[in-house]
């Protein structure tokens, strides 16, 4: 979803007019025109303006700044960096239909699985799981693992 469409959907959810949003971010009474341009995709707000809009709509800036085609890649890249900080944080488990709903190792904390129905992502996650297994088994070292993560495209 494009930034402008997200803005419109959140603004409408907040029961706010384009004019009200424009005034709230400092564009004055004629700010509705600029907001309309953002929402229609004719203009894209600059970073500082996006911050003001996010604040006015009471959402984190990231809710507006990531577009749908970027989101999946950004999600995977963020997961890779989280894994860099703590390799025990993310558990990748290959499953087939027969063993899909299996309990997590950390039962006391609970466990939720996210299934992404995208072949490229599934292929990437499978490869990532293999690399994590190789690291855990000592077949590769942290340097090799980091090199794989920074050179493997999604």
Protein backbone atom coordinates (compact mmCIF):
# COMPACT_ATOMS: atom_id res chain seq x y z
CA UNK A 1 0.00 0.00 0.00
CA UNK A 2 1.32 3.44 -0.91
CA UNK A 3 2.07 6.10 1.70
CA UNK A 4 -0.82 8.33 0.61
CA UNK A 5 -3.36 5.50 0.76
CA UNK A 6 -2.17 4.64 4.27
CA UNK A 7 -2.47 8.30 5.29
CA UNK A 8 -6.03 8.45 3.97
CA UNK A 9 -7.08 5.22 5.65
CA UNK A 10 -5.64 6.23 9.04
CA UNK A 11 -6.96 9.80 8.74
CA UNK A 12 -10.46 8.53 7.99
CA UNK A 13 -10.22 6.01 10.82
CA UNK A 14 -9.39 8.92 13.13
CA UNK A 15 -12.48 10.79 11.77
CA UNK A 16 -10.27 13.64 10.63
CA UNK A 17 -10.76 15.74 7.50
CA UNK A 18 -7.92 16.61 5.14
CA UNK A 19 -8.24 20.19 6.31
CA UNK A 20 -7.97 19.21 9.98
CA UNK A 21 -4.85 17.16 9.28
CA UNK A 22 -3.35 20.00 7.25
CA UNK A 23 -3.91 22.47 10.09
CA UNK A 24 -2.60 20.02 12.67
CA UNK A 25 0.72 19.64 10.81
CA UNK A 26 1.11 23.38 10.26
CA UNK A 27 -0.04 23.77 6.64
CA UNK A 28 -2.81 26.18 7.59
CA UNK A 29 -6.40 26.27 6.40
CA UNK A 30 -5.38 25.53 2.81
CA UNK A 31 -3.42 22.44 3.86
CA UNK A 32 -6.24 20.18 2.68
CA UNK A 33 -4.96 20.57 -0.88
CA UNK A 34 -1.49 19.34 0.07
CA UNK A 35 -2.93 16.45 2.07
CA UNK A 36 -5.09 15.51 -0.93
CA UNK A 37 -1.99 15.56 -3.14
CA UNK A 38 -0.19 13.24 -0.71
CA UNK A 39 -3.16 10.90 -0.51
CA UNK A 40 -3.58 10.76 -4.28
CA UNK A 41 0.11 10.08 -4.79
CA UNK A 42 0.79 13.29 -6.73
CA UNK A 43 3.31 14.33 -4.07
CA UNK A 44 5.29 12.47 -1.46
CA UNK A 45 5.88 14.06 1.92
CA UNK A 46 9.49 14.67 2.90
CA UNK A 47 10.83 12.96 6.04
CA UNK A 48 10.12 15.90 8.40
CA UNK A 49 6.61 16.31 7.01
CA UNK A 50 6.02 12.55 7.34
CA UNK A 51 7.05 12.79 11.00
CA UNK A 52 4.50 15.56 11.57
CA UNK A 53 1.77 13.59 9.79
CA UNK A 54 2.52 10.44 11.77
CA UNK A 55 2.47 12.41 15.02
CA UNK A 56 -0.81 14.10 14.08
CA UNK A 57 -2.35 10.73 13.20
CA UNK A 58 -0.91 9.19 16.38
CA UNK A 59 0.98 6.37 14.62
CA UNK A 60 4.67 5.46 14.43
CA UNK A 61 6.36 6.99 11.38
CA UNK A 62 7.22 3.52 10.09
CA UNK A 63 3.51 2.81 9.66
CA UNK A 64 3.49 5.40 6.89
CA UNK A 65 7.00 5.25 5.48
CA UNK A 66 7.21 1.61 4.37
CA UNK A 67 5.35 0.82 1.18
CA UNK A 68 3.95 -2.65 0.48
CA UNK A 69 6.58 -3.65 -2.05
CA UNK A 70 9.30 -2.63 0.41
CA UNK A 71 7.66 -4.08 3.50
CA UNK A 72 8.37 -7.77 2.95
CA UNK A 73 12.05 -7.15 2.19
CA UNK A 74 12.34 -4.69 5.07
CA UNK A 75 10.78 -7.24 7.40
CA UNK A 76 13.27 -9.92 6.39
CA UNK A 77 16.21 -7.50 6.62
CA UNK A 78 15.10 -6.40 10.09
CA UNK A 79 14.80 -10.02 11.16
CA UNK A 80 18.32 -10.66 9.91
CA UNK A 81 19.66 -7.75 11.97
CA UNK A 82 17.74 -8.90 15.05
CA UNK A 83 19.32 -12.30 14.56
CA UNK A 84 22.73 -10.63 14.34
CA UNK A 85 22.20 -9.14 17.80
CA UNK A 86 20.96 -12.40 19.32
CA UNK A 87 21.09 -15.62 17.29
CA UNK A 88 18.83 -17.38 19.83
CA UNK A 89 15.98 -14.88 19.39
CA UNK A 90 14.61 -16.26 16.12
CA UNK A 91 13.96 -19.96 15.69
CA UNK A 92 13.50 -21.22 12.15
CA UNK A 93 11.86 -24.61 11.93
CA UNK A 94 11.19 -26.44 8.71
CA UNK A 95 7.76 -28.02 8.83
CA UNK A 96 5.54 -29.97 6.54
CA UNK A 97 1.76 -30.15 6.73
CA UNK A 98 1.85 -33.12 9.11
CA UNK A 99 3.97 -31.44 11.80
CA UNK A 100 3.08 -27.80 11.30
CA UNK A 101 1.31 -27.06 14.59
CA UNK A 102 4.13 -28.20 16.88
CA UNK A 103 4.91 -26.64 20.26
CA UNK A 104 7.70 -24.12 20.58
CA UNK A 105 10.81 -24.82 22.68
CA UNK A 106 9.90 -21.88 24.93
CA UNK A 107 6.50 -23.11 26.09
CA UNK A 108 6.45 -20.88 29.18
CA UNK A 109 6.59 -17.75 27.01
CA UNK A 110 4.26 -19.00 24.31
CA UNK A 111 4.99 -19.20 20.64
CA UNK A 112 3.40 -17.80 17.51
CA UNK A 113 4.37 -18.78 14.00
CA UNK A 114 4.02 -16.49 11.01
CA UNK A 115 3.46 -18.17 7.67
CA UNK A 116 4.25 -16.04 4.65
CA UNK A 117 2.72 -17.36 1.46
CA UNK A 118 5.39 -16.14 -0.92
CA UNK A 119 7.65 -18.61 -2.72
CA UNK A 120 10.71 -16.35 -2.72
CA UNK A 121 10.35 -15.72 1.02
CA UNK A 122 9.84 -19.42 1.70
CA UNK A 123 12.97 -20.26 -0.29
CA UNK A 124 14.91 -17.60 1.58
CA UNK A 125 13.67 -18.80 4.98
CA UNK A 126 14.58 -22.37 4.10
CA UNK A 127 18.10 -21.29 3.15
CA UNK A 128 18.35 -19.18 6.31
CA UNK A 129 17.27 -22.16 8.42
CA UNK A 130 20.01 -24.25 6.82
CA UNK A 131 22.63 -21.58 7.53
CA UNK A 132 21.52 -21.27 11.17
CA UNK A 133 21.77 -25.06 11.52
CA UNK A 134 25.28 -25.03 10.06
CA UNK A 135 26.26 -22.30 12.52
CA UNK A 136 24.77 -24.19 15.48
CA UNK A 137 26.59 -27.38 14.41
CA UNK A 138 29.90 -25.53 14.12
CA UNK A 139 30.21 -26.22 10.39
CA UNK A 140 30.43 -22.48 9.74
CA UNK A 141 31.53 -19.67 12.04
CA UNK A 142 29.90 -16.34 12.92
CA UNK A 143 31.89 -14.59 10.19
CA UNK A 144 30.64 -17.01 7.51
CA UNK A 145 27.10 -16.70 8.83
CA UNK A 146 27.23 -12.89 8.77
CA UNK A 147 28.70 -12.98 5.27
CA UNK A 148 25.82 -15.17 4.10
CA UNK A 149 23.24 -12.84 5.65
CA UNK A 150 24.72 -9.72 4.06
CA UNK A 151 25.19 -11.23 0.60
CA UNK A 152 22.02 -13.25 0.12
CA UNK A 153 19.30 -11.39 -1.75
CA UNK A 154 15.65 -11.99 -0.98
